[in-house]
Amino acid sequence: MPRPPQDGKPHSRSPRRSENGKASRWISRSIVLFGRYSSKRPPGLCVDTDGSLRIVDVMREWGHEQGLSERDVLAAVQEHMLHEDGTLRFAIGSDPAGRIVVRVLPKRLAFSAGQRDK
């Protein structure tokens, strides 16, 4: 639950960058959940069938309430754009109106052919 504003800006109990640098991971994981699982999305957040979310919508429905800026969200997506094996987790682009869009790519299989136990 957000804390009451003390300086005119909404605050939240969400982790910030100063707390062990975990905020960007938390932000990117939240975006993944929103893109993949409709039950995890904030009410009102629209996601296309391919997992695309407009950043302006993410900020309106979730980011501002968490005390985040658009820059925070985009930096987290960029920082965690790749899985540990180098495959893409996110794609960043724009829609026909020029708004920034983040596409959450489908979940990887638990084991790829090269990682199975033999």
C-alpha atoms as a PDB file:
ATOM      1  CA  MET A   1       0.000   0.000   0.000  1.00  0.00           C
ATOM      2  CA  PRO A   2       1.451   3.403  -0.918  1.00  0.00           C
ATOM      3  CA  ARG A   3       2.529   5.694   1.894  1.00  0.00           C
ATOM      4  CA  PRO A   4       0.716   9.006   2.260  1.00  0.00           C
ATOM      5  CA  PRO A   5       2.420  11.793   0.318  1.00  0.00           C
ATOM      6  CA  GLN A   6       4.629  14.069   2.391  1.00  0.00           C
ATOM      7  CA  ASP A   7       5.970  16.255  -0.374  1.00  0.00           C
ATOM      8  CA  GLY A   8       3.024  16.264  -2.749  1.00  0.00           C
ATOM      9  CA  LYS A   9       4.266  13.183  -4.620  1.00  0.00           C
ATOM     10  CA  PRO A  10       2.865   9.683  -4.108  1.00  0.00           C
ATOM     11  CA  HIS A  11       5.222   7.253  -2.421  1.00  0.00           C
ATOM     12  CA  SER A  12       5.278   3.506  -2.318  1.00  0.00           C
ATOM     13  CA  ARG A  13       6.924   0.731  -0.374  1.00  0.00           C
ATOM     14  CA  SER A  14       8.447  -0.566  -3.586  1.00  0.00           C
ATOM     15  CA  PRO A  15      12.195  -1.105  -3.647  1.00  0.00           C
ATOM     16  CA  ARG A  16      14.269   1.792  -4.886  1.00  0.00           C
ATOM     17  CA  ARG A  17      17.634   1.706  -6.646  1.00  0.00           C
ATOM     18  CA  SER A  18      19.426   2.500  -3.404  1.00  0.00           C
ATOM     19  CA  GLU A  19      18.216  -0.742  -1.825  1.00  0.00           C
ATOM     20  CA  ASN A  20      20.975  -3.089  -3.045  1.00  0.00           C
ATOM     21  CA  GLY A  21      20.316  -2.230  -6.694  1.00  0.00           C
ATOM     22  CA  LYS A  22      17.396  -4.670  -6.807  1.00  0.00           C
ATOM     23  CA  ALA A  23      14.847  -2.199  -8.163  1.00  0.00           C
ATOM     24  CA  SER A  24      15.685  -2.752 -11.830  1.00  0.00           C
ATOM     25  CA  ARG A  25      15.269  -6.518 -11.464  1.00  0.00           C
ATOM     26  CA  TRP A  26      11.947  -5.992  -9.649  1.00  0.00           C
ATOM     27  CA  ILE A  27      10.744  -3.617 -12.369  1.00  0.00           C
ATOM     28  CA  SER A  28      11.744  -5.949 -15.210  1.00  0.00           C
ATOM     29  CA  ARG A  29      10.129  -8.957 -13.523  1.00  0.00           C
ATOM     30  CA  SER A  30       6.941  -6.964 -13.027  1.00  0.00           C
ATOM     31  CA  ILE A  31       6.882  -6.058 -16.730  1.00  0.00           C
ATOM     32  CA  VAL A  32       7.390  -9.730 -17.636  1.00  0.00           C
ATOM     33  CA  LEU A  33       4.464 -10.728 -15.425  1.00  0.00           C
ATOM     34  CA  PHE A  34       2.245  -8.055 -16.974  1.00  0.00           C
ATOM     35  CA  GLY A  35       3.131  -9.170 -20.502  1.00  0.00           C
ATOM     36  CA  ARG A  36       2.674 -12.892 -19.920  1.00  0.00           C
ATOM     37  CA  TYR A  37      -0.063 -13.279 -17.320  1.00  0.00           C
ATOM     38  CA  SER A  38      -3.344 -11.379 -17.479  1.00  0.00           C
ATOM     39  CA  SER A  39      -4.076 -12.166 -13.818  1.00  0.00           C
ATOM     40  CA  LYS A  40      -0.912 -10.270 -12.782  1.00  0.00           C
ATOM     41  CA  ARG A  41      -1.712  -7.058 -14.677  1.00  0.00           C
ATOM     42  CA  PRO A  42      -2.917  -3.911 -12.994  1.00  0.00           C
ATOM     43  CA  PRO A  43      -6.567  -3.218 -13.851  1.00  0.00           C
ATOM     44  CA  GLY A  44      -6.756  -1.140 -17.008  1.00  0.00           C
ATOM     45  CA  LEU A  45      -3.375  -2.178 -18.445  1.00  0.00           C
ATOM     46  CA  CYS A  46      -3.846  -3.358 -22.027  1.00  0.00           C
ATOM     47  CA  VAL A  47      -1.445  -5.897 -23.508  1.00  0.00           C
ATOM     48  CA  ASP A  48      -1.537  -6.980 -27.157  1.00  0.00           C
ATOM     49  CA  THR A  49      -1.761 -10.655 -28.051  1.00  0.00           C
ATOM     50  CA  ASP A  50       1.982 -10.659 -28.795  1.00  0.00           C
ATOM     51  CA  GLY A  51       2.836  -9.405 -25.278  1.00  0.00           C
ATOM     52  CA  SER A  52       3.336  -5.748 -26.242  1.00  0.00           C
ATOM     53  CA  LEU A  53       2.723  -2.968 -23.719  1.00  0.00           C
ATOM     54  CA  ARG A  54       2.921   0.753 -24.361  1.00  0.00           C
ATOM     55  CA  ILE A  55       5.166   2.434 -21.807  1.00  0.00           C
ATOM     56  CA  VAL A  56       2.706   5.310 -21.448  1.00  0.00           C
ATOM     57  CA  ASP A  57       0.051   2.767 -20.355  1.00  0.00           C
ATOM     58  CA  VAL A  58       2.439   1.001 -17.969  1.00  0.00           C
ATOM     59  CA  MET A  59       3.247   4.315 -16.337  1.00  0.00           C
ATOM     60  CA  ARG A  60      -0.395   5.398 -16.080  1.00  0.00           C
ATOM     61  CA  GLU A  61      -1.658   2.091 -14.640  1.00  0.00           C
ATOM     62  CA  TRP A  62       1.336   1.080 -12.491  1.00  0.00           C
ATOM     63  CA  GLY A  63       4.602   3.005 -12.756  1.00  0.00           C
ATOM     64  CA  HIS A  64       3.592   6.374 -11.347  1.00  0.00           C
ATOM     65  CA  GLU A  65       1.863   4.686  -8.404  1.00  0.00           C
ATOM     66  CA  GLN A  66       5.126   2.892  -7.666  1.00  0.00           C
ATOM     67  CA  GLY A  67       7.047   6.171  -7.687  1.00  0.00           C
ATOM     68  CA  LEU A  68       8.869   5.277 -10.911  1.00  0.00           C
ATOM     69  CA  SER A  69       9.710   7.387 -13.921  1.00  0.00           C
ATOM     70  CA  GLU A  70       9.507   6.264 -17.527  1.00  0.00           C
ATOM     71  CA  ARG A  71      13.307   6.375 -17.519  1.00  0.00           C
ATOM     72  CA  ASP A  72      13.411   3.939 -14.548  1.00  0.00           C
ATOM     73  CA  VAL A  73      11.183   1.453 -16.353  1.00  0.00           C
ATOM     74  CA  LEU A  74      13.010   1.668 -19.680  1.00  0.00           C
ATOM     75  CA  ALA A  75      16.423   1.418 -18.000  1.00  0.00           C
ATOM     76  CA  ALA A  76      15.300  -1.733 -16.154  1.00  0.00           C
ATOM     77  CA  VAL A  77      13.968  -3.287 -19.374  1.00  0.00           C
ATOM     78  CA  GLN A  78      17.229  -2.479 -21.170  1.00  0.00           C
ATOM     79  CA  GLU A  79      19.381  -3.770 -18.311  1.00  0.00           C
ATOM     80  CA  HIS A  80      17.518  -7.093 -18.217  1.00  0.00           C
ATOM     81  CA  MET A  81      16.751  -7.372 -21.933  1.00  0.00           C
ATOM     82  CA  LEU A  82      18.696 -10.616 -22.284  1.00  0.00           C
ATOM     83  CA  HIS A  83      18.454 -13.902 -20.436  1.00  0.00           C
ATOM     84  CA  GLU A  84      21.675 -15.299 -19.002  1.00  0.00           C
ATOM     85  CA  ASP A  85      22.125 -17.423 -22.147  1.00  0.00           C
ATOM     86  CA  GLY A  86      21.892 -14.347 -24.398  1.00  0.00           C
ATOM     87  CA  THR A  87      18.357 -14.927 -25.690  1.00  0.00           C
ATOM     88  CA  LEU A  88      15.969 -11.973 -25.721  1.00  0.00           C
ATOM     89  CA  ARG A  89      13.537 -11.396 -22.853  1.00  0.00           C
ATOM     90  CA  PHE A  90      12.216  -8.055 -24.208  1.00  0.00           C
ATOM     91  CA  ALA A  91      12.057  -6.156 -27.480  1.00  0.00           C
ATOM     92  CA  ILE A  92      11.674  -2.370 -27.558  1.00  0.00           C
ATOM     93  CA  GLY A  93      10.073  -0.547 -30.451  1.00  0.00           C
ATOM     94  CA  SER A  94       7.364   1.973 -31.230  1.00  0.00           C
ATOM     95  CA  ASP A  95       3.765   1.865 -32.393  1.00  0.00           C
ATOM     96  CA  PRO A  96       2.443   3.719 -35.469  1.00  0.00           C
ATOM     97  CA  ALA A  97       1.824   6.811 -33.300  1.00  0.00           C
ATOM     98  CA  GLY A  98       5.485   6.834 -32.208  1.00  0.00           C
ATOM     99  CA  ARG A  99       4.846   5.695 -28.612  1.00  0.00           C
ATOM    100  CA  ILE A 100       7.439   3.415 -27.008  1.00  0.00           C
ATOM    101  CA  VAL A 101       6.336  -0.213 -26.849  1.00  0.00           C
ATOM    102  CA  VAL A 102       7.940  -3.050 -24.891  1.00  0.00           C
ATOM    103  CA  ARG A 103       7.226  -6.551 -26.093  1.00  0.00           C
ATOM    104  CA  VAL A 104       7.605  -9.323 -23.538  1.00  0.00           C
ATOM    105  CA  LEU A 105       8.789 -12.395 -25.382  1.00  0.00           C
ATOM    106  CA  PRO A 106       7.382 -15.855 -24.618  1.00  0.00           C
ATOM    107  CA  LYS A 107       8.812 -17.824 -21.720  1.00  0.00           C
ATOM    108  CA  ARG A 108      11.752 -20.031 -22.585  1.00  0.00           C
ATOM    109  CA  LEU A 109      11.463 -23.795 -22.300  1.00  0.00           C
ATOM    110  CA  ALA A 110      12.940 -25.173 -19.097  1.00  0.00           C
ATOM    111  CA  PHE A 111      15.522 -27.109 -21.080  1.00  0.00           C
ATOM    112  CA  SER A 112      16.785 -26.501 -24.561  1.00  0.00           C
ATOM    113  CA  ALA A 113      18.159 -29.397 -26.583  1.00  0.00           C
ATOM    114  CA  GLY A 114      21.719 -28.470 -25.633  1.00  0.00           C
ATOM    115  CA  GLN A 115      21.015 -28.374 -21.877  1.00  0.00           C
ATOM    116  CA  ARG A 116      19.250 -31.712 -21.351  1.00  0.00           C
ATOM    117  CA  ASP A 117      20.891 -34.330 -19.189  1.00  0.00           C
ATOM    118  CA  LYS A 118      22.163 -37.235 -21.234  1.00  0.00           C
END
